[in-house]
Amino acid sequence: MAGAPPRGGPADGADAAPTRPGAAGRPDATPKAVWIVWALLGLNTLGSAGAKTIVRLPRSLIQMATMGALVSAFALALVLNPRLRIRAGAFLTLLTLLLVPSLISSLKLEVGLGALFRCTRLAIFIGTLWLISRWWDGGFRLVRTHIRMYYAVLWSVAAGLVISPGTAMPEYYGGRLVGALWPLTPPQIGQYSAVIIGLTVLLLLGRRTTGKSAAMIIVPTFVLLAMTHTRTATIGLLAGLALAIGSLLLTSTAARRFFSWALVTATVAAVAFAGALQTWFMRGQSKENFSNLTGRAKVWDALLTRPRTIPEEAFGIGLGDKSFGGLPIDNSWLAVYNEQGLVGIALVAGILLALGGVALLRPPSLERACAIFLISYVAISSYTEAGLGDASPYLLHLALAASLLATPAAATPLTTLAVPRRRGPRRDRKQEVT
């Protein structure tokens, strides 16, 4: 199913990768509409709440657009895969099991009817991933779609910055960059920027793109990342790249060369620009505010000390807006504990451990390195960002990692869900047998 990656586009360059093993030299049979499905899933996870925009967009209108994108993605995936051929795996299985505590807790309506709406959204999101899983073959086409999708989002951020700098860098966010055309927060922009930069660097090291194409993406994206002052995204980017490139050191000369130059450059920059880096990292906060993670620790303590019944301890209180007492939780593990209980935490931990274990057992390769980057980035971001228990960009990053770790289709038979077949007349069946 996997052929040579497509040419053109900012992340492609003059790529001429050979046919993947196991495909027996066949052309890639993946429909182009699969990339549309992936982009629609990305649109759904952009969210409907955030910064104030230049033209005020009603939240109901944004929600209609994001939910419409999700429903369209599911319908298109169903059209592409009418026989319901799927690729079974631990990631999607555990993700589907996460629906159980979500539904059990949400049926109590402790957080309102919105909990059932979010359960439905999560179910459609997971169902769409199941439908397109048949085309997960360890190739890089979804990686390129991922980069292009978020690169287009960042272009809208840059356009908003040019049109209205005051709106794009408001005082209520401390002068940090936000989305002025679509309501995006600094952590969202930082996340998209970090993932794009990391994946593009790895594609460059694997000679899957040219230096010029990579520079067109990395340079402006890094500028946007710096303007968001997002510490979590920056740390996740650096740590994720270190682990990903480290997995290539024994087999890639380019990786060893890049790692050496990066280490020298980072050391010189840390010495020469120590003051500026500290100022950027502190964001004008006091040491007390920095030590309690900008107030997050107080919310976490209040959440953990809240009395809970045994069912709430096990299954949570239902899918909500990832807040507690009107304040954002900003921690995936505590958000899952609050909404899906200890069962939810066990399933989310199982997802990360399953993906990480498969990545460690695979031989060194560029696909493995990209998966390690995505898994490690999501794991690091989960400490100060929520989203692992609901339809979010973080789950989409992990789905991309799962697709990179999948074996070629020719080596792994697909599973076809049982679909009732129309039975013909008895006389026709006899003729078919003879």
Protein backbone atom coordinates (compact mmCIF):
# COMPACT_ATOMS: atom_id res chain seq x y z
CA MET A 1 0.00 0.00 0.00
CA ALA A 2 2.90 2.37 0.52
CA GLY A 3 4.68 3.93 -2.42
CA ALA A 4 6.97 6.86 -2.94
CA PRO A 5 5.99 10.01 -1.00
CA PRO A 6 4.35 12.78 -3.00
CA ARG A 7 6.42 15.55 -4.46
CA GLY A 8 5.84 19.23 -3.94
CA GLY A 9 4.77 21.20 -0.91
CA PRO A 10 6.87 22.88 1.73
CA ALA A 11 7.84 19.69 3.52
CA ASP A 12 8.53 17.47 0.56
CA GLY A 13 11.42 18.82 -1.44
CA ALA A 14 13.10 16.47 -3.89
CA ASP A 15 12.10 13.33 -2.07
CA ALA A 16 12.56 10.08 -3.94
CA ALA A 17 12.11 7.43 -1.27
CA PRO A 18 12.07 3.83 -2.44
CA THR A 19 9.05 1.63 -2.14
CA ARG A 20 8.55 0.41 1.44
CA PRO A 21 9.37 -3.21 2.24
CA GLY A 22 6.40 -5.50 2.10
CA ALA A 23 4.61 -3.52 -0.56
CA ALA A 24 6.09 -5.67 -3.32
CA GLY A 25 6.65 -2.61 -5.47
CA ARG A 26 2.95 -1.85 -5.83
CA PRO A 27 1.82 1.77 -6.19
CA ASP A 28 0.30 3.45 -3.15
CA ALA A 29 -3.43 2.71 -3.05
CA THR A 30 -4.20 5.26 -0.32
CA PRO A 31 -6.95 7.60 -1.54
CA LYS A 32 -6.14 11.29 -1.47
CA ALA A 33 -9.35 11.85 0.45
CA VAL A 34 -7.74 10.21 3.50
CA TRP A 35 -5.61 13.32 3.92
CA ILE A 36 -8.81 15.41 3.81
CA VAL A 37 -10.22 13.26 6.62
CA TRP A 38 -7.07 13.88 8.66
CA ALA A 39 -7.24 17.63 8.06
CA LEU A 40 -10.90 17.69 9.11
CA LEU A 41 -9.99 15.90 12.34
CA GLY A 42 -7.35 18.56 12.92
CA LEU A 43 -9.91 21.32 12.35
CA ASN A 44 -12.20 19.73 14.91
CA THR A 45 -9.49 19.79 17.57
CA LEU A 46 -8.73 23.51 17.19
CA GLY A 47 -11.37 24.29 19.80
CA SER A 48 -13.91 27.08 20.10
CA ALA A 49 -12.63 29.08 23.08
CA GLY A 50 -9.52 31.21 23.30
CA ALA A 51 -8.37 34.74 22.58
CA LYS A 52 -10.47 37.63 21.30
CA THR A 53 -10.39 37.84 17.54
CA ILE A 54 -10.37 40.82 15.15
CA VAL A 55 -13.89 39.97 14.00
CA ARG A 56 -15.79 38.49 16.89
CA LEU A 57 -16.92 34.99 15.99
CA PRO A 58 -19.86 33.58 17.96
CA ARG A 59 -18.80 30.49 19.85
CA SER A 60 -21.85 28.63 18.57
CA LEU A 61 -20.71 29.32 14.99
CA ILE A 62 -17.20 28.00 15.74
CA GLN A 63 -18.64 24.92 17.40
CA MET A 64 -20.82 24.28 14.37
CA ALA A 65 -17.74 24.51 12.14
CA THR A 66 -15.63 22.18 14.30
CA MET A 67 -18.39 19.62 14.83
CA GLY A 68 -19.33 19.83 11.16
CA ALA A 69 -15.71 19.03 10.32
CA LEU A 70 -15.81 15.98 12.58
CA VAL A 71 -19.08 14.65 11.16
CA SER A 72 -17.79 15.27 7.63
CA ALA A 73 -14.57 13.42 8.44
CA PHE A 74 -16.51 10.41 9.72
CA ALA A 75 -18.88 10.38 6.73
CA LEU A 76 -16.01 10.66 4.25
CA ALA A 77 -14.06 7.92 6.02
CA LEU A 78 -17.14 5.69 5.87
CA VAL A 79 -17.47 6.34 2.13
CA LEU A 80 -13.79 5.47 1.64
CA ASN A 81 -14.06 2.31 3.72
CA PRO A 82 -17.59 0.90 3.19
CA ARG A 83 -16.50 -2.67 3.98
CA LEU A 84 -15.19 -1.51 7.37
CA ARG A 85 -11.71 -2.91 6.88
CA ILE A 86 -9.63 -1.86 9.87
CA ARG A 87 -6.15 -2.34 11.30
CA ALA A 88 -6.42 -3.61 14.85
CA GLY A 89 -3.89 -2.34 17.38
CA ALA A 90 -3.34 -1.59 21.04
CA PHE A 91 -3.60 2.18 20.57
CA LEU A 92 -7.09 2.23 19.07
CA THR A 93 -8.28 -0.60 21.32
CA LEU A 94 -7.28 1.23 24.52
CA LEU A 95 -8.62 4.49 23.14
CA THR A 96 -11.97 2.82 22.49
CA LEU A 97 -12.02 1.39 26.01
CA LEU A 98 -11.59 4.95 27.30
CA LEU A 99 -15.16 5.53 26.13
CA VAL A 100 -16.42 3.19 28.87
CA PRO A 101 -15.53 5.31 31.94
CA SER A 102 -16.37 8.44 29.95
CA LEU A 103 -19.91 7.21 29.26
CA ILE A 104 -20.47 5.73 32.74
CA SER A 105 -19.56 9.00 34.45
CA SER A 106 -21.24 11.27 31.91
CA LEU A 107 -24.59 9.48 32.17
CA LYS A 108 -24.93 10.86 35.71
CA LEU A 109 -25.13 14.35 34.14
CA GLU A 110 -23.15 15.78 37.05
CA VAL A 111 -21.58 18.29 34.67
CA GLY A 112 -24.69 18.67 32.52
CA LEU A 113 -25.78 17.51 29.08
CA GLY A 114 -22.49 18.78 27.67
CA ALA A 115 -20.85 15.62 29.01
CA LEU A 116 -22.92 13.42 26.68
CA PHE A 117 -22.17 15.75 23.79
CA ARG A 118 -18.44 15.40 24.47
CA CYS A 119 -18.80 11.60 24.72
CA THR A 120 -20.49 11.55 21.33
CA ARG A 121 -17.73 13.73 19.90
CA LEU A 122 -15.05 11.43 21.31
CA ALA A 123 -16.84 8.35 19.94
CA ILE A 124 -17.06 9.83 16.42
CA PHE A 125 -13.41 10.91 16.62
CA ILE A 126 -12.29 7.39 17.58
CA GLY A 127 -14.60 5.81 15.00
CA THR A 128 -13.04 7.93 12.27
CA LEU A 129 -9.55 6.84 13.31
CA TRP A 130 -10.69 3.20 13.13
CA LEU A 131 -12.03 3.71 9.61
CA ILE A 132 -8.80 5.21 8.25
CA SER A 133 -6.54 2.84 10.20
CA ARG A 134 -6.47 0.46 7.20
CA TRP A 135 -4.13 2.95 5.49
CA TRP A 136 -1.69 3.17 8.40
CA ASP A 137 1.41 1.56 6.92
CA GLY A 138 4.37 3.32 8.50
CA GLY A 139 4.67 5.82 5.65
CA PHE A 140 5.23 9.57 5.78
CA ARG A 141 2.17 10.84 3.93
CA LEU A 142 0.21 11.45 7.11
CA VAL A 143 3.28 13.19 8.55
CA ARG A 144 3.29 15.61 5.62
CA THR A 145 -0.45 16.17 5.99
CA HIS A 146 0.06 16.84 9.71
CA ILE A 147 2.74 19.43 8.95
CA ARG A 148 0.76 21.14 6.19
CA MET A 149 -2.39 21.23 8.31
CA TYR A 150 -0.82 22.99 11.27
CA TYR A 151 1.37 25.12 9.01
CA ALA A 152 -1.82 26.50 7.46
CA VAL A 153 -3.13 27.25 10.96
CA LEU A 154 0.08 29.13 11.77
CA TRP A 155 -0.29 31.13 8.57
CA SER A 156 -3.63 32.37 9.90
CA VAL A 157 -1.87 33.35 13.14
CA ALA A 158 0.80 35.25 11.20
CA ALA A 159 -1.86 36.97 9.09
CA GLY A 160 -3.66 38.09 12.24
CA LEU A 161 -0.39 39.45 13.61
CA VAL A 162 0.15 41.52 10.47
CA ILE A 163 -3.44 42.80 10.30
CA SER A 164 -3.81 43.70 13.98
CA PRO A 165 -0.67 43.39 16.14
CA GLY A 166 -2.50 44.69 19.22
CA THR A 167 -5.16 42.01 18.99
CA ALA A 168 -2.60 39.30 18.24
CA MET A 169 -0.44 40.21 21.27
CA PRO A 170 -2.93 41.39 23.91
CA GLU A 171 -2.07 42.62 27.38
CA TYR A 172 -4.40 40.15 29.09
CA TYR A 173 -2.07 37.38 27.85
CA GLY A 174 1.03 39.30 28.88
CA GLY A 175 1.87 40.31 25.32
CA ARG A 176 2.09 36.69 24.16
CA LEU A 177 1.05 35.74 20.63
CA VAL A 178 -2.55 34.54 20.18
CA GLY A 179 -4.79 33.80 17.23
CA ALA A 180 -6.41 37.02 16.02
CA LEU A 181 -8.40 35.39 13.20
CA TRP A 182 -9.30 32.11 14.92
CA PRO A 183 -9.40 32.02 18.76
CA LEU A 184 -6.12 30.25 19.54
CA THR A 185 -4.28 30.54 22.85
CA PRO A 186 -0.46 30.84 23.17
CA PRO A 187 -0.10 27.20 24.36
CA GLN A 188 -2.01 25.99 21.28
CA ILE A 189 0.17 27.99 18.90
CA GLY A 190 3.27 26.85 20.76
CA GLN A 191 2.18 23.21 20.50
CA TYR A 192 1.55 23.37 16.75
CA SER A 193 4.85 25.19 16.20
CA ALA A 194 6.88 22.70 18.24
CA VAL A 195 5.38 19.66 16.50
CA ILE A 196 5.94 21.17 13.04
CA ILE A 197 9.55 22.08 13.82
CA GLY A 198 10.36 18.68 15.32
CA LEU A 199 8.89 16.65 12.48
CA THR A 200 10.48 18.86 9.81
CA VAL A 201 13.93 18.58 11.43
CA LEU A 202 13.61 14.80 11.45
CA LEU A 203 12.48 14.71 7.81
CA LEU A 204 15.51 16.84 6.93
CA LEU A 205 17.87 14.48 8.76
CA GLY A 206 16.30 11.54 6.95
CA ARG A 207 16.69 13.32 3.58
CA ARG A 208 12.95 13.33 3.07
CA THR A 209 13.01 17.06 2.33
CA THR A 210 15.49 19.67 1.15
CA GLY A 211 17.22 22.27 3.29
CA LYS A 212 15.42 25.08 1.50
CA SER A 213 11.99 23.56 2.06
CA ALA A 214 12.79 22.83 5.69
CA ALA A 215 14.05 26.39 6.28
CA MET A 216 10.82 27.81 4.83
CA ILE A 217 8.96 25.99 7.59
CA ILE A 218 11.35 25.99 10.55
CA VAL A 219 12.46 29.65 10.54
CA PRO A 220 9.04 31.41 10.56
CA THR A 221 7.55 28.73 12.80
CA PHE A 222 10.36 29.16 15.34
CA VAL A 223 9.72 32.90 15.39
CA LEU A 224 6.04 32.27 16.20
CA LEU A 225 7.03 29.80 18.91
CA ALA A 226 9.33 32.37 20.51
CA MET A 227 6.54 34.99 20.42
CA THR A 228 4.18 32.69 22.33
CA HIS A 229 6.63 32.39 25.27
CA THR A 230 5.37 28.83 25.72
CA ARG A 231 7.78 27.01 28.02
CA THR A 232 6.08 23.61 27.84
CA ALA A 233 6.18 23.50 24.03
CA THR A 234 9.84 24.60 23.97
CA ILE A 235 10.93 22.03 26.53
CA GLY A 236 8.87 19.34 24.81
CA LEU A 237 10.44 20.23 21.45
CA LEU A 238 14.01 20.10 22.75
CA ALA A 239 13.55 16.95 24.82
CA GLY A 240 11.56 15.18 22.10
CA LEU A 241 14.16 15.98 19.45
CA ALA A 242 16.97 14.86 21.75
CA LEU A 243 15.31 11.47 22.26
CA ALA A 244 14.35 11.09 18.60
CA ILE A 245 17.78 12.03 17.25
CA GLY A 246 19.41 9.92 19.95
CA SER A 247 17.57 6.89 18.55
CA LEU A 248 19.30 7.52 15.18
CA LEU A 249 22.85 8.11 16.40
CA LEU A 250 24.03 4.56 15.79
CA THR A 251 22.72 4.38 12.24
CA SER A 252 22.75 7.92 10.83
CA THR A 253 25.79 10.08 10.15
CA ALA A 254 23.56 13.11 9.59
CA ALA A 255 21.97 12.58 13.01
CA ARG A 256 25.38 12.40 14.71
CA ARG A 257 26.55 15.53 12.91
CA PHE A 258 23.37 17.45 13.75
CA PHE A 259 23.48 16.33 17.38
CA SER A 260 27.08 17.52 17.75
CA TRP A 261 26.39 20.91 16.18
CA ALA A 262 23.21 21.35 18.21
CA LEU A 263 25.03 20.54 21.44
CA VAL A 264 27.79 23.06 20.69
CA THR A 265 25.31 25.75 19.60
CA ALA A 266 23.13 25.23 22.69
CA THR A 267 26.14 25.48 24.99
CA VAL A 268 27.37 28.72 23.37
CA ALA A 269 23.86 30.21 23.38
CA ALA A 270 23.33 29.29 27.03
CA VAL A 271 26.55 31.11 27.99
CA ALA A 272 26.25 34.12 25.68
CA PHE A 273 22.51 34.77 26.10
CA ALA A 274 21.92 33.48 29.61
CA GLY A 275 20.23 36.70 30.76
CA ALA A 276 17.94 36.98 27.75
CA LEU A 277 16.99 33.31 27.96
CA GLN A 278 16.18 33.62 31.66
CA THR A 279 14.03 36.69 31.00
CA TRP A 280 12.16 34.91 28.22
CA PHE A 281 11.68 31.82 30.34
CA MET A 282 10.40 33.71 33.41
CA ARG A 283 7.94 35.83 31.34
CA GLY A 284 8.09 38.59 33.95
CA GLN A 285 6.72 36.34 36.70
CA SER A 286 7.81 36.36 40.31
CA LYS A 287 9.66 33.37 41.72
CA GLU A 288 6.62 32.45 43.81
CA ASN A 289 4.32 32.54 40.81
CA PHE A 290 6.82 30.51 38.81
CA SER A 291 7.23 27.92 41.58
CA ASN A 292 3.50 27.17 41.72
CA LEU A 293 3.37 26.94 37.90
CA THR A 294 1.39 30.16 37.35
CA GLY A 295 -1.25 29.15 39.86
CA ARG A 296 -1.71 25.63 38.52
CA ALA A 297 -0.49 24.01 41.74
CA LYS A 298 -3.28 25.63 43.76
CA VAL A 299 -5.93 24.25 41.39
CA TRP A 300 -4.31 20.82 41.49
CA ASP A 301 -4.26 20.77 45.31
CA ALA A 302 -7.91 21.78 45.48
CA LEU A 303 -8.87 19.09 42.96
CA LEU A 304 -7.01 16.34 44.81
CA THR A 305 -8.49 17.26 48.20
CA ARG A 306 -12.08 17.29 46.93
CA PRO A 307 -14.15 14.52 48.59
CA ARG A 308 -15.22 11.84 46.13
CA THR A 309 -17.47 8.81 46.22
CA ILE A 310 -16.15 5.41 45.17
CA PRO A 311 -17.83 5.60 41.71
CA GLU A 312 -16.39 9.10 41.19
CA GLU A 313 -12.97 7.84 42.25
CA ALA A 314 -13.18 5.00 39.74
CA PHE A 315 -14.97 6.65 36.79
CA GLY A 316 -14.81 10.42 37.43
CA ILE A 317 -17.59 12.98 37.16
CA GLY A 318 -18.01 13.01 33.37
CA LEU A 319 -16.41 14.77 30.42
CA GLY A 320 -16.27 18.52 31.01
CA ASP A 321 -14.30 21.55 29.91
CA LYS A 322 -11.11 20.47 31.72
CA SER A 323 -11.63 22.99 34.54
CA PHE A 324 -12.13 22.82 38.30
CA GLY A 325 -13.80 25.56 40.27
CA GLY A 326 -13.95 27.70 37.16
CA LEU A 327 -10.16 27.51 36.63
CA PRO A 328 -8.35 25.40 34.01
CA ILE A 329 -6.77 22.21 35.31
CA ASP A 330 -3.89 22.31 32.81
CA ASN A 331 -2.74 18.78 33.55
CA SER A 332 -3.84 15.82 31.45
CA TRP A 333 -3.53 13.29 34.26
CA LEU A 334 -5.53 15.29 36.78
CA ALA A 335 -8.10 16.21 34.12
CA VAL A 336 -8.54 12.53 33.27
CA TYR A 337 -8.72 11.67 36.99
CA ASN A 338 -11.40 14.31 37.51
CA GLU A 339 -13.49 13.33 34.49
CA GLN A 340 -12.77 9.61 33.90
CA GLY A 341 -11.35 8.49 37.23
CA LEU A 342 -8.62 6.01 38.01
CA VAL A 343 -9.84 3.72 35.23
CA GLY A 344 -9.28 6.53 32.74
CA ILE A 345 -5.78 7.19 34.07
CA ALA A 346 -4.91 3.49 33.71
CA LEU A 347 -6.12 3.46 30.09
CA VAL A 348 -4.28 6.67 29.14
CA ALA A 349 -1.10 5.37 30.76
CA GLY A 350 -1.58 2.11 28.85
CA ILE A 351 -1.81 4.04 25.56
CA LEU A 352 1.49 5.84 26.16
CA LEU A 353 3.23 2.70 27.45
CA ALA A 354 1.99 0.61 24.51
CA LEU A 355 3.19 3.13 21.93
CA GLY A 356 6.46 3.71 23.76
CA GLY A 357 7.09 -0.02 24.12
CA VAL A 358 6.49 -0.69 20.42
CA ALA A 359 8.77 2.21 19.48
CA LEU A 360 11.59 0.89 21.69
CA LEU A 361 11.30 -2.61 20.24
CA ARG A 362 11.52 -1.44 16.63
CA PRO A 363 14.93 -1.23 14.90
CA PRO A 364 16.31 2.29 14.37
CA SER A 365 14.59 4.13 11.52
CA LEU A 366 13.27 7.56 10.62
CA GLU A 367 9.70 6.38 11.19
CA ARG A 368 10.61 5.22 14.68
CA ALA A 369 12.38 8.51 15.42
CA CYS A 370 9.32 10.56 14.39
CA ALA A 371 7.10 8.36 16.57
CA ILE A 372 9.46 8.74 19.54
CA PHE A 373 9.40 12.52 19.11
CA LEU A 374 5.59 12.63 19.09
CA ILE A 375 5.18 10.26 22.03
CA SER A 376 7.77 12.02 24.17
CA TYR A 377 6.39 15.47 23.28
CA VAL A 378 2.87 14.45 24.30
CA ALA A 379 4.12 12.81 27.50
CA ILE A 380 6.06 15.94 28.53
CA SER A 381 3.22 18.31 27.61
CA SER A 382 0.72 16.27 29.62
CA TYR A 383 2.18 17.75 32.83
CA THR A 384 0.96 21.28 32.11
CA GLU A 385 -1.59 20.76 29.33
CA ALA A 386 -4.90 18.86 29.29
CA GLY A 387 -6.33 16.82 26.44
CA LEU A 388 -5.29 13.17 26.66
CA GLY A 389 -8.76 12.05 27.76
CA ASP A 390 -10.78 13.75 25.03
CA ALA A 391 -10.66 14.49 21.30
CA SER A 392 -7.66 16.81 21.05
CA PRO A 393 -4.50 17.52 19.03
CA TYR A 394 -2.58 15.38 21.52
CA LEU A 395 -4.61 12.28 20.61
CA LEU A 396 -4.08 13.16 16.94
CA HIS A 397 -0.31 13.32 17.54
CA LEU A 398 -0.43 9.88 19.16
CA ALA A 399 -2.54 8.53 16.28
CA LEU A 400 0.15 9.76 13.89
CA ALA A 401 2.78 7.98 16.00
CA ALA A 402 0.69 4.80 15.84
CA SER A 403 0.50 5.07 12.04
CA LEU A 404 4.28 5.43 11.85
CA LEU A 405 4.81 2.33 13.98
CA ALA A 406 2.38 0.22 11.93
CA THR A 407 3.84 -2.48 9.73
CA PRO A 408 3.25 -2.41 5.95
CA ALA A 409 -0.15 -3.69 4.89
CA ALA A 410 1.29 -6.62 2.90
CA ALA A 411 2.91 -7.98 6.05
CA THR A 412 -0.14 -7.56 8.31
CA PRO A 413 -3.57 -8.75 7.17
CA LEU A 414 -6.40 -6.31 7.76
CA THR A 415 -9.46 -7.17 9.79
CA THR A 416 -12.86 -6.85 8.19
CA LEU A 417 -15.78 -6.18 10.51
CA ALA A 418 -18.68 -8.54 10.02
CA VAL A 419 -21.16 -7.02 7.57
CA PRO A 420 -24.39 -8.91 6.74
CA ARG A 421 -24.27 -10.16 3.17
CA ARG A 422 -27.31 -10.39 0.97
CA ARG A 423 -28.16 -14.01 0.26
CA GLY A 424 -29.21 -14.89 -3.27
CA PRO A 425 -31.73 -17.51 -4.39
CA ARG A 426 -30.85 -21.14 -3.66
CA ARG A 427 -30.67 -22.00 -7.38
CA ASP A 428 -28.09 -19.22 -7.99
CA ARG A 429 -25.97 -20.43 -5.12
CA LYS A 430 -25.86 -23.96 -6.57
CA GLN A 431 -24.74 -22.61 -9.92
CA GLU A 432 -21.94 -20.66 -8.24
CA VAL A 433 -20.69 -23.79 -6.52
CA THR A 434 -20.60 -25.77 -9.74
